[in-house]
Amino acid sequence: MAKIIDGRESGFKTNPDYKVLLEPSPRRVRVRFNGDTIADSTNAHLLLETRHLPVYYFPRADLRMDLLEPTDHHTFCPYKGKASYWTIKVGNRASENALWGYPDPYDEVPQLKDFVAFYWDRVDAWYEEDEEIFVHPRDPYKRVDVVNSSRHVQVVLGGETVADTRRARFLFETRLPTRYYIPAEDVRMDLLVQSEKVTRCPYKGQAHYYSARIGDRRFDDIVWYYPEPIPECPKIKGYLCFFNEQVDDISLDGASVPRPITPWSKDWKEKAATVPDSRGPVAKA
């Protein structure tokens, strides 16, 4: 008989193509908070779920349970079940409901029973082996390839050609649109204004941004670049990239590139359900 949780059957009954996969990771993974290591595991697992970013799950045996206090908070997932939560308390600091687990999951995901996971931004630092990692775990099934191209790339924004090059570097990233990284010499830098925005990508590093001023119009944070990308992605250093989703047009050898639908699209929420990807687009961090 199928398990019923809070009066509800598993979502897999009506959506059997939904994926929740828990796979062992070969990496030592650590989580730190207020100077203490809360989790230290060589048996961490990655949860790979449709339309979600990867999440590290840890065996309870590899956690400092003496620093964790159960709370009355609960949430419900139609594919995993009812989640219980814990608060971290170390010294004079606490992180409320910072980690969760499914002590009695649905029958389709029984392996979750003895694992728990942390909210990424409710702890201080994450490490794979001895290197700090940022934003979220890297998906072992994702590739990031950067390839030099002599194809003619033009970017039009606000009616102006803001970039024109045959020296772009194309970045191919699994399940995301091709990104065109362009040397600054081939960009109308006179139209760009340095932005204060900074973001991180676990696959590329820390990104900085430019806004554009064209006539009386301003396009906020329309261009990004990596002044010091991580060692695994060196070829994009200093190159500029425009949001395909937000410029007037990007053309290759005179032909317009179709505008992609991604989490960075202005109408993402309305169109997300129509994106034809069996695993779904990766959720925005």
C-alpha atoms as a PDB file:
ATOM      1  CA  MET A   1       0.000   0.000   0.000  1.00  0.00           C
ATOM      2  CA  ALA A   2       1.376   3.413  -0.955  1.00  0.00           C
ATOM      3  CA  LYS A   3       2.566   5.597   1.920  1.00  0.00           C
ATOM      4  CA  ILE A   4       0.367   8.569   2.815  1.00  0.00           C
ATOM      5  CA  ILE A   5       2.038  11.581   4.449  1.00  0.00           C
ATOM      6  CA  ASP A   6      -0.138  14.373   5.860  1.00  0.00           C
ATOM      7  CA  GLY A   7      -3.014  12.939   3.851  1.00  0.00           C
ATOM      8  CA  ARG A   8      -1.120  13.110   0.550  1.00  0.00           C
ATOM      9  CA  GLU A   9       0.254  10.456  -1.763  1.00  0.00           C
ATOM     10  CA  SER A  10       3.670  10.824  -3.374  1.00  0.00           C
ATOM     11  CA  GLY A  11       3.882  13.227  -6.309  1.00  0.00           C
ATOM     12  CA  PHE A  12       5.465  10.432  -8.326  1.00  0.00           C
ATOM     13  CA  LYS A  13       1.994   8.923  -8.715  1.00  0.00           C
ATOM     14  CA  THR A  14       0.932  11.751 -11.015  1.00  0.00           C
ATOM     15  CA  ASN A  15       4.383  12.790 -12.296  1.00  0.00           C
ATOM     16  CA  PRO A  16       6.435   9.579 -12.730  1.00  0.00           C
ATOM     17  CA  ASP A  17       9.083  11.344 -14.872  1.00  0.00           C
ATOM     18  CA  TYR A  18      10.180  13.577 -12.003  1.00  0.00           C
ATOM     19  CA  LYS A  19      13.723  12.714 -10.874  1.00  0.00           C
ATOM     20  CA  VAL A  20      15.129  12.583  -7.340  1.00  0.00           C
ATOM     21  CA  LEU A  21      18.522  10.878  -7.378  1.00  0.00           C
ATOM     22  CA  LEU A  22      20.836  10.523  -4.381  1.00  0.00           C
ATOM     23  CA  GLU A  23      24.374   9.681  -5.484  1.00  0.00           C
ATOM     24  CA  PRO A  24      27.512   9.188  -3.370  1.00  0.00           C
ATOM     25  CA  SER A  25      30.237  11.803  -3.762  1.00  0.00           C
ATOM     26  CA  PRO A  26      33.924  10.797  -3.725  1.00  0.00           C
ATOM     27  CA  ARG A  27      34.871  14.138  -2.144  1.00  0.00           C
ATOM     28  CA  ARG A  28      35.431  14.962   1.494  1.00  0.00           C
ATOM     29  CA  VAL A  29      32.882  17.680   2.293  1.00  0.00           C
ATOM     30  CA  ARG A  30      32.933  19.967   5.327  1.00  0.00           C
ATOM     31  CA  VAL A  31      30.602  22.641   6.681  1.00  0.00           C
ATOM     32  CA  ARG A  32      31.740  25.293   9.181  1.00  0.00           C
ATOM     33  CA  PHE A  33      29.807  27.680  11.422  1.00  0.00           C
ATOM     34  CA  ASN A  34      31.157  30.168  13.962  1.00  0.00           C
ATOM     35  CA  GLY A  35      34.600  28.572  13.958  1.00  0.00           C
ATOM     36  CA  ASP A  36      33.452  24.963  14.397  1.00  0.00           C
ATOM     37  CA  THR A  37      33.137  22.167  11.849  1.00  0.00           C
ATOM     38  CA  ILE A  38      29.490  21.105  11.915  1.00  0.00           C
ATOM     39  CA  ALA A  39      29.797  18.397   9.248  1.00  0.00           C
ATOM     40  CA  ASP A  40      32.841  16.476   8.042  1.00  0.00           C
ATOM     41  CA  SER A  41      32.106  13.575   5.732  1.00  0.00           C
ATOM     42  CA  THR A  42      33.697  11.312   3.162  1.00  0.00           C
ATOM     43  CA  ASN A  43      30.244   9.753   2.700  1.00  0.00           C
ATOM     44  CA  ALA A  44      28.280  12.819   1.575  1.00  0.00           C
ATOM     45  CA  HIS A  45      25.766  12.337  -1.220  1.00  0.00           C
ATOM     46  CA  LEU A  46      24.546  14.686  -3.934  1.00  0.00           C
ATOM     47  CA  LEU A  47      20.813  15.033  -4.404  1.00  0.00           C
ATOM     48  CA  LEU A  48      20.026  15.699  -8.068  1.00  0.00           C
ATOM     49  CA  GLU A  49      16.416  16.759  -8.530  1.00  0.00           C
ATOM     50  CA  THR A  50      14.399  17.980 -11.498  1.00  0.00           C
ATOM     51  CA  ARG A  51      14.498  21.791 -11.792  1.00  0.00           C
ATOM     52  CA  HIS A  52      16.723  22.162  -8.726  1.00  0.00           C
ATOM     53  CA  LEU A  53      20.404  22.795  -8.122  1.00  0.00           C
ATOM     54  CA  PRO A  54      22.477  19.968  -6.588  1.00  0.00           C
ATOM     55  CA  VAL A  55      22.320  19.662  -2.795  1.00  0.00           C
ATOM     56  CA  TYR A  56      24.757  17.893  -0.479  1.00  0.00           C
ATOM     57  CA  TYR A  57      23.141  15.461   1.956  1.00  0.00           C
ATOM     58  CA  PHE A  58      25.147  14.162   4.927  1.00  0.00           C
ATOM     59  CA  PRO A  59      24.816  11.002   7.025  1.00  0.00           C
ATOM     60  CA  ARG A  60      23.769  12.015  10.520  1.00  0.00           C
ATOM     61  CA  ALA A  61      26.742  10.110  11.889  1.00  0.00           C
ATOM     62  CA  ASP A  62      29.054  12.702  10.278  1.00  0.00           C
ATOM     63  CA  LEU A  63      27.426  15.713  11.967  1.00  0.00           C
ATOM     64  CA  ARG A  64      28.093  17.391  15.303  1.00  0.00           C
ATOM     65  CA  MET A  65      24.641  16.546  16.606  1.00  0.00           C
ATOM     66  CA  ASP A  66      25.609  18.034  19.992  1.00  0.00           C
ATOM     67  CA  LEU A  67      25.547  21.452  18.303  1.00  0.00           C
ATOM     68  CA  LEU A  68      22.141  20.892  16.710  1.00  0.00           C
ATOM     69  CA  GLU A  69      18.726  21.374  18.299  1.00  0.00           C
ATOM     70  CA  PRO A  70      15.498  20.034  16.739  1.00  0.00           C
ATOM     71  CA  THR A  71      12.777  22.623  16.156  1.00  0.00           C
ATOM     72  CA  ASP A  72       9.014  22.542  15.668  1.00  0.00           C
ATOM     73  CA  HIS A  73       9.364  23.750  12.074  1.00  0.00           C
ATOM     74  CA  HIS A  74       8.234  21.413   9.278  1.00  0.00           C
ATOM     75  CA  THR A  75       7.766  21.687   5.531  1.00  0.00           C
ATOM     76  CA  PHE A  76       6.311  19.331   2.958  1.00  0.00           C
ATOM     77  CA  CYS A  77       7.752  18.172  -0.368  1.00  0.00           C
ATOM     78  CA  PRO A  78       5.399  16.201  -2.656  1.00  0.00           C
ATOM     79  CA  TYR A  79       8.295  14.005  -3.800  1.00  0.00           C
ATOM     80  CA  LYS A  80      10.242  13.509  -0.566  1.00  0.00           C
ATOM     81  CA  GLY A  81       7.767  13.897   2.257  1.00  0.00           C
ATOM     82  CA  LYS A  82       7.621  15.846   5.510  1.00  0.00           C
ATOM     83  CA  ALA A  83      10.856  17.578   6.499  1.00  0.00           C
ATOM     84  CA  SER A  84      12.075  18.113  10.042  1.00  0.00           C
ATOM     85  CA  TYR A  85      14.495  20.919  10.941  1.00  0.00           C
ATOM     86  CA  TRP A  86      17.374  21.672  13.294  1.00  0.00           C
ATOM     87  CA  THR A  87      18.943  24.910  14.517  1.00  0.00           C
ATOM     88  CA  ILE A  88      22.727  25.230  14.853  1.00  0.00           C
ATOM     89  CA  LYS A  89      24.007  26.732  18.124  1.00  0.00           C
ATOM     90  CA  VAL A  90      27.721  27.400  18.507  1.00  0.00           C
ATOM     91  CA  GLY A  91      28.958  29.800  21.171  1.00  0.00           C
ATOM     92  CA  ASN A  92      27.037  33.068  21.002  1.00  0.00           C
ATOM     93  CA  ARG A  93      25.598  32.438  17.532  1.00  0.00           C
ATOM     94  CA  ALA A  94      22.624  30.479  16.263  1.00  0.00           C
ATOM     95  CA  SER A  95      21.365  29.693  12.773  1.00  0.00           C
ATOM     96  CA  GLU A  96      17.646  28.979  12.899  1.00  0.00           C
ATOM     97  CA  ASN A  97      16.306  25.982  10.966  1.00  0.00           C
ATOM     98  CA  ALA A  98      19.621  25.733   9.124  1.00  0.00           C
ATOM     99  CA  LEU A  99      19.317  22.074   8.183  1.00  0.00           C
ATOM    100  CA  TRP A 100      16.566  19.627   7.374  1.00  0.00           C
ATOM    101  CA  GLY A 101      15.947  15.941   6.822  1.00  0.00           C
ATOM    102  CA  TYR A 102      13.203  13.482   5.946  1.00  0.00           C
ATOM    103  CA  PRO A 103      13.014  10.939   8.796  1.00  0.00           C
ATOM    104  CA  ASP A 104      10.084   9.114   7.154  1.00  0.00           C
ATOM    105  CA  PRO A 105      10.322   9.795   3.389  1.00  0.00           C
ATOM    106  CA  TYR A 106       8.095   8.498   0.630  1.00  0.00           C
ATOM    107  CA  ASP A 107       8.705   4.929  -0.510  1.00  0.00           C
ATOM    108  CA  GLU A 108      10.318   6.100  -3.774  1.00  0.00           C
ATOM    109  CA  VAL A 109      13.214   7.774  -1.893  1.00  0.00           C
ATOM    110  CA  PRO A 110      13.876   5.568   1.160  1.00  0.00           C
ATOM    111  CA  GLN A 111      17.600   6.375   1.162  1.00  0.00           C
ATOM    112  CA  LEU A 112      16.864   9.906   2.430  1.00  0.00           C
ATOM    113  CA  LYS A 113      15.876   8.565   5.850  1.00  0.00           C
ATOM    114  CA  ASP A 114      19.323   8.795   7.452  1.00  0.00           C
ATOM    115  CA  PHE A 115      20.555  11.958   5.687  1.00  0.00           C
ATOM    116  CA  VAL A 116      20.246  15.681   6.371  1.00  0.00           C
ATOM    117  CA  ALA A 117      21.091  18.802   4.357  1.00  0.00           C
ATOM    118  CA  PHE A 118      22.098  22.398   5.132  1.00  0.00           C
ATOM    119  CA  TYR A 119      20.834  25.659   3.685  1.00  0.00           C
ATOM    120  CA  TRP A 120      23.917  26.948   1.893  1.00  0.00           C
ATOM    121  CA  ASP A 121      23.687  30.520   3.175  1.00  0.00           C
ATOM    122  CA  ARG A 122      22.870  29.682   6.799  1.00  0.00           C
ATOM    123  CA  VAL A 123      26.382  28.448   7.535  1.00  0.00           C
ATOM    124  CA  ASP A 124      29.704  30.258   7.190  1.00  0.00           C
ATOM    125  CA  ALA A 125      31.747  28.136   4.775  1.00  0.00           C
ATOM    126  CA  TRP A 126      31.770  24.984   2.674  1.00  0.00           C
ATOM    127  CA  TYR A 127      34.791  22.919   1.608  1.00  0.00           C
ATOM    128  CA  GLU A 128      35.401  20.124  -0.870  1.00  0.00           C
ATOM    129  CA  GLU A 129      38.653  18.544   0.263  1.00  0.00           C
ATOM    130  CA  ASP A 130      40.721  21.628   1.248  1.00  0.00           C
ATOM    131  CA  GLU A 131      39.208  24.128  -1.186  1.00  0.00           C
ATOM    132  CA  GLU A 132      36.384  26.463  -0.237  1.00  0.00           C
ATOM    133  CA  ILE A 133      33.407  26.263  -2.599  1.00  0.00           C
ATOM    134  CA  PHE A 134      30.683  28.828  -3.202  1.00  0.00           C
ATOM    135  CA  VAL A 135      26.989  29.153  -4.137  1.00  0.00           C
ATOM    136  CA  HIS A 136      26.128  25.445  -4.434  1.00  0.00           C
ATOM    137  CA  PRO A 137      27.812  22.092  -5.157  1.00  0.00           C
ATOM    138  CA  ARG A 138      29.077  21.571  -8.675  1.00  0.00           C
ATOM    139  CA  ASP A 139      27.018  19.132 -10.704  1.00  0.00           C
ATOM    140  CA  PRO A 140      29.224  16.217 -11.857  1.00  0.00           C
ATOM    141  CA  TYR A 141      27.060  15.945 -14.993  1.00  0.00           C
ATOM    142  CA  LYS A 142      27.624  19.546 -16.055  1.00  0.00           C
ATOM    143  CA  ARG A 143      30.393  20.619 -18.442  1.00  0.00           C
ATOM    144  CA  VAL A 144      31.772  24.099 -19.028  1.00  0.00           C
ATOM    145  CA  ASP A 145      33.807  24.389 -22.238  1.00  0.00           C
ATOM    146  CA  VAL A 146      35.318  27.625 -23.569  1.00  0.00           C
ATOM    147  CA  VAL A 147      36.225  27.636 -27.270  1.00  0.00           C
ATOM    148  CA  ASN A 148      37.846  30.350 -29.396  1.00  0.00           C
ATOM    149  CA  SER A 149      35.780  31.347 -32.442  1.00  0.00           C
ATOM    150  CA  SER A 150      36.364  33.585 -35.471  1.00  0.00           C
ATOM    151  CA  ARG A 151      32.633  33.765 -36.217  1.00  0.00           C
ATOM    152  CA  HIS A 152      31.293  37.291 -36.495  1.00  0.00           C
ATOM    153  CA  VAL A 153      29.484  38.212 -33.266  1.00  0.00           C
ATOM    154  CA  GLN A 154      27.501  41.436 -32.940  1.00  0.00           C
ATOM    155  CA  VAL A 155      25.471  42.619 -29.960  1.00  0.00           C
ATOM    156  CA  VAL A 156      22.750  45.244 -30.352  1.00  0.00           C
ATOM    157  CA  LEU A 157      21.342  47.070 -27.330  1.00  0.00           C
ATOM    158  CA  GLY A 158      19.122  50.127 -27.265  1.00  0.00           C
ATOM    159  CA  GLY A 159      19.399  50.334 -31.031  1.00  0.00           C
ATOM    160  CA  GLU A 160      23.210  50.574 -30.908  1.00  0.00           C
ATOM    161  CA  THR A 161      25.805  47.977 -31.872  1.00  0.00           C
ATOM    162  CA  VAL A 162      27.615  47.687 -28.537  1.00  0.00           C
ATOM    163  CA  ALA A 163      29.958  44.818 -29.472  1.00  0.00           C
ATOM    164  CA  ASP A 164      31.413  43.656 -32.792  1.00  0.00           C
ATOM    165  CA  THR A 165      34.054  40.959 -32.882  1.00  0.00           C
ATOM    166  CA  ARG A 166      35.608  37.972 -34.608  1.00  0.00           C
ATOM    167  CA  ARG A 167      37.605  37.125 -31.481  1.00  0.00           C
ATOM    168  CA  ALA A 168      34.878  35.903 -29.135  1.00  0.00           C
ATOM    169  CA  ARG A 169      35.196  32.932 -26.842  1.00  0.00           C
ATOM    170  CA  PHE A 170      32.101  30.771 -26.792  1.00  0.00           C
ATOM    171  CA  LEU A 171      31.201  29.265 -23.432  1.00  0.00           C
ATOM    172  CA  PHE A 172      29.161  26.062 -23.653  1.00  0.00           C
ATOM    173  CA  GLU A 173      27.548  25.084 -20.348  1.00  0.00           C
ATOM    174  CA  THR A 174      25.260  22.085 -19.956  1.00  0.00           C
ATOM    175  CA  ARG A 175      21.546  22.985 -20.145  1.00  0.00           C
ATOM    176  CA  LEU A 176      22.266  26.703 -20.543  1.00  0.00           C
ATOM    177  CA  PRO A 177      22.420  28.882 -23.670  1.00  0.00           C
ATOM    178  CA  THR A 178      25.774  29.536 -25.324  1.00  0.00           C
ATOM    179  CA  ARG A 179      27.429  32.641 -23.873  1.00  0.00           C
ATOM    180  CA  TYR A 180      29.605  34.886 -26.005  1.00  0.00           C
ATOM    181  CA  TYR A 181      32.596  36.337 -24.159  1.00  0.00           C
ATOM    182  CA  ILE A 182      34.038  39.304 -26.022  1.00  0.00           C
ATOM    183  CA  PRO A 183      37.382  41.114 -25.559  1.00  0.00           C
ATOM    184  CA  ALA A 184      36.966  44.625 -24.141  1.00  0.00           C
ATOM    185  CA  GLU A 185      38.688  46.084 -27.214  1.00  0.00           C
ATOM    186  CA  ASP A 186      35.684  44.982 -29.307  1.00  0.00           C
ATOM    187  CA  VAL A 187      33.061  46.435 -26.947  1.00  0.00           C
ATOM    188  CA  ARG A 188      31.777  50.021 -26.808  1.00  0.00           C
ATOM    189  CA  MET A 189      33.216  50.595 -23.348  1.00  0.00           C
ATOM    190  CA  ASP A 190      32.222  54.268 -23.585  1.00  0.00           C
ATOM    191  CA  LEU A 191      28.612  53.120 -23.197  1.00  0.00           C
ATOM    192  CA  LEU A 192      29.276  51.013 -20.097  1.00  0.00           C
ATOM    193  CA  VAL A 193      29.289  52.067 -16.443  1.00  0.00           C
ATOM    194  CA  GLN A 194      30.834  49.911 -13.719  1.00  0.00           C
ATOM    195  CA  SER A 195      28.184  48.395 -11.462  1.00  0.00           C
ATOM    196  CA  GLU A 196      28.447  47.556  -7.781  1.00  0.00           C
ATOM    197  CA  LYS A 197      26.850  44.168  -8.352  1.00  0.00           C
ATOM    198  CA  VAL A 198      28.963  41.083  -7.653  1.00  0.00           C
ATOM    199  CA  THR A 199      27.840  37.452  -7.955  1.00  0.00           C
ATOM    200  CA  ARG A 200      29.502  34.057  -7.708  1.00  0.00           C
ATOM    201  CA  CYS A 201      29.336  31.029  -9.945  1.00  0.00           C
ATOM    202  CA  PRO A 202      30.651  27.685  -8.634  1.00  0.00           C
ATOM    203  CA  TYR A 203      31.933  26.827 -12.122  1.00  0.00           C
ATOM    204  CA  LYS A 204      33.559  30.135 -13.065  1.00  0.00           C
ATOM    205  CA  GLY A 205      34.227  32.299 -10.006  1.00  0.00           C
ATOM    206  CA  GLN A 206      33.291  35.812  -8.917  1.00  0.00           C
ATOM    207  CA  ALA A 207      31.573  37.950 -11.554  1.00  0.00           C
ATOM    208  CA  HIS A 208      31.517  41.750 -11.749  1.00  0.00           C
ATOM    209  CA  TYR A 209      29.038  43.754 -13.810  1.00  0.00           C
ATOM    210  CA  TYR A 210      28.560  46.768 -16.050  1.00  0.00           C
ATOM    211  CA  SER A 211      25.387  48.687 -16.743  1.00  0.00           C
ATOM    212  CA  ALA A 212      24.886  50.435 -20.091  1.00  0.00           C
ATOM    213  CA  ARG A 213      23.799  54.020 -20.810  1.00  0.00           C
ATOM    214  CA  ILE A 214      22.481  54.548 -24.319  1.00  0.00           C
ATOM    215  CA  GLY A 215      20.826  57.896 -24.927  1.00  0.00           C
ATOM    216  CA  ASP A 216      18.401  58.474 -22.077  1.00  0.00           C
ATOM    217  CA  ARG A 217      18.054  54.757 -21.327  1.00  0.00           C
ATOM    218  CA  ARG A 218      19.902  52.734 -18.717  1.00  0.00           C
ATOM    219  CA  PHE A 219      20.274  48.957 -18.833  1.00  0.00           C
ATOM    220  CA  ASP A 220      21.244  47.767 -15.364  1.00  0.00           C
ATOM    221  CA  ASP A 221      23.782  44.961 -14.925  1.00  0.00           C
ATOM    222  CA  ILE A 222      23.523  43.897 -18.566  1.00  0.00           C
ATOM    223  CA  VAL A 223      27.158  42.754 -18.922  1.00  0.00           C
ATOM    224  CA  TRP A 224      29.300  40.574 -16.687  1.00  0.00           C
ATOM    225  CA  TYR A 225      32.928  39.489 -16.615  1.00  0.00           C
ATOM    226  CA  TYR A 226      35.299  37.466 -14.460  1.00  0.00           C
ATOM    227  CA  PRO A 227      38.478  39.419 -13.589  1.00  0.00           C
ATOM    228  CA  GLU A 228      39.947  36.348 -11.857  1.00  0.00           C
ATOM    229  CA  PRO A 229      38.040  33.176 -12.793  1.00  0.00           C
ATOM    230  CA  ILE A 230      38.699  29.920 -10.975  1.00  0.00           C
ATOM    231  CA  PRO A 231      41.684  27.908 -12.295  1.00  0.00           C
ATOM    232  CA  GLU A 232      39.375  25.465 -14.116  1.00  0.00           C
ATOM    233  CA  CYS A 233      37.993  28.248 -16.359  1.00  0.00           C
ATOM    234  CA  PRO A 234      40.907  30.592 -17.236  1.00  0.00           C
ATOM    235  CA  LYS A 235      40.067  31.508 -20.829  1.00  0.00           C
ATOM    236  CA  ILE A 236      37.250  33.940 -19.990  1.00  0.00           C
ATOM    237  CA  LYS A 237      39.455  36.186 -17.818  1.00  0.00           C
ATOM    238  CA  GLY A 238      38.617  39.822 -18.526  1.00  0.00           C
ATOM    239  CA  TYR A 239      36.210  39.039 -21.391  1.00  0.00           C
ATOM    240  CA  LEU A 240      32.755  40.652 -21.367  1.00  0.00           C
ATOM    241  CA  CYS A 241      29.463  38.816 -21.790  1.00  0.00           C
ATOM    242  CA  PHE A 242      26.007  40.293 -22.471  1.00  0.00           C
ATOM    243  CA  PHE A 243      22.772  38.687 -21.313  1.00  0.00           C
ATOM    244  CA  ASN A 244      21.358  36.985 -24.419  1.00  0.00           C
ATOM    245  CA  GLU A 245      17.945  37.183 -22.791  1.00  0.00           C
ATOM    246  CA  GLN A 246      17.953  40.974 -22.356  1.00  0.00           C
ATOM    247  CA  VAL A 247      19.733  42.635 -25.298  1.00  0.00           C
ATOM    248  CA  ASP A 248      17.919  43.613 -28.506  1.00  0.00           C
ATOM    249  CA  ASP A 249      19.810  41.048 -30.555  1.00  0.00           C
ATOM    250  CA  ILE A 250      22.895  38.870 -30.779  1.00  0.00           C
ATOM    251  CA  SER A 251      23.881  37.726 -34.253  1.00  0.00           C
ATOM    252  CA  LEU A 252      26.358  35.154 -35.524  1.00  0.00           C
ATOM    253  CA  ASP A 253      27.644  35.676 -39.053  1.00  0.00           C
ATOM    254  CA  GLY A 254      24.660  37.943 -39.684  1.00  0.00           C
ATOM    255  CA  ALA A 255      21.956  35.594 -38.399  1.00  0.00           C
ATOM    256  CA  SER A 256      20.125  36.381 -35.167  1.00  0.00           C
ATOM    257  CA  VAL A 257      20.573  33.941 -32.309  1.00  0.00           C
ATOM    258  CA  PRO A 258      17.146  32.849 -30.944  1.00  0.00           C
ATOM    259  CA  ARG A 259      16.407  34.500 -27.607  1.00  0.00           C
ATOM    260  CA  PRO A 260      16.694  31.807 -24.899  1.00  0.00           C
ATOM    261  CA  ILE A 261      14.270  31.297 -22.017  1.00  0.00           C
ATOM    262  CA  THR A 262      16.242  30.958 -18.769  1.00  0.00           C
ATOM    263  CA  PRO A 263      15.971  32.048 -15.127  1.00  0.00           C
ATOM    264  CA  TRP A 264      17.532  35.347 -16.263  1.00  0.00           C
ATOM    265  CA  SER A 265      14.662  36.088 -18.663  1.00  0.00           C
ATOM    266  CA  LYS A 266      12.300  38.848 -17.576  1.00  0.00           C
ATOM    267  CA  ASP A 267       9.299  36.584 -18.291  1.00  0.00           C
ATOM    268  CA  TRP A 268      10.886  33.445 -16.826  1.00  0.00           C
ATOM    269  CA  LYS A 269       8.040  32.604 -14.444  1.00  0.00           C
ATOM    270  CA  GLU A 270       5.443  32.727 -17.208  1.00  0.00           C
ATOM    271  CA  LYS A 271       7.422  30.653 -19.703  1.00  0.00           C
ATOM    272  CA  ALA A 272       9.404  28.214 -17.527  1.00  0.00           C
ATOM    273  CA  ALA A 273       6.885  25.409 -17.875  1.00  0.00           C
ATOM    274  CA  THR A 274       7.291  25.408 -21.668  1.00  0.00           C
ATOM    275  CA  VAL A 275      11.070  24.882 -21.683  1.00  0.00           C
ATOM    276  CA  PRO A 276      11.684  21.560 -23.489  1.00  0.00           C
ATOM    277  CA  ASP A 277      14.291  19.951 -21.239  1.00  0.00           C
ATOM    278  CA  SER A 278      13.725  16.502 -19.747  1.00  0.00           C
ATOM    279  CA  ARG A 279      15.406  17.442 -16.471  1.00  0.00           C
ATOM    280  CA  GLY A 280      14.188  21.033 -16.580  1.00  0.00           C
ATOM    281  CA  PRO A 281      16.313  24.168 -16.576  1.00  0.00           C
ATOM    282  CA  VAL A 282      18.646  24.649 -13.652  1.00  0.00           C
ATOM    283  CA  ALA A 283      17.040  26.867 -11.030  1.00  0.00           C
ATOM    284  CA  LYS A 284      18.653  30.250 -10.493  1.00  0.00           C
ATOM    285  CA  ALA A 285      20.828  30.415  -7.393  1.00  0.00           C
END
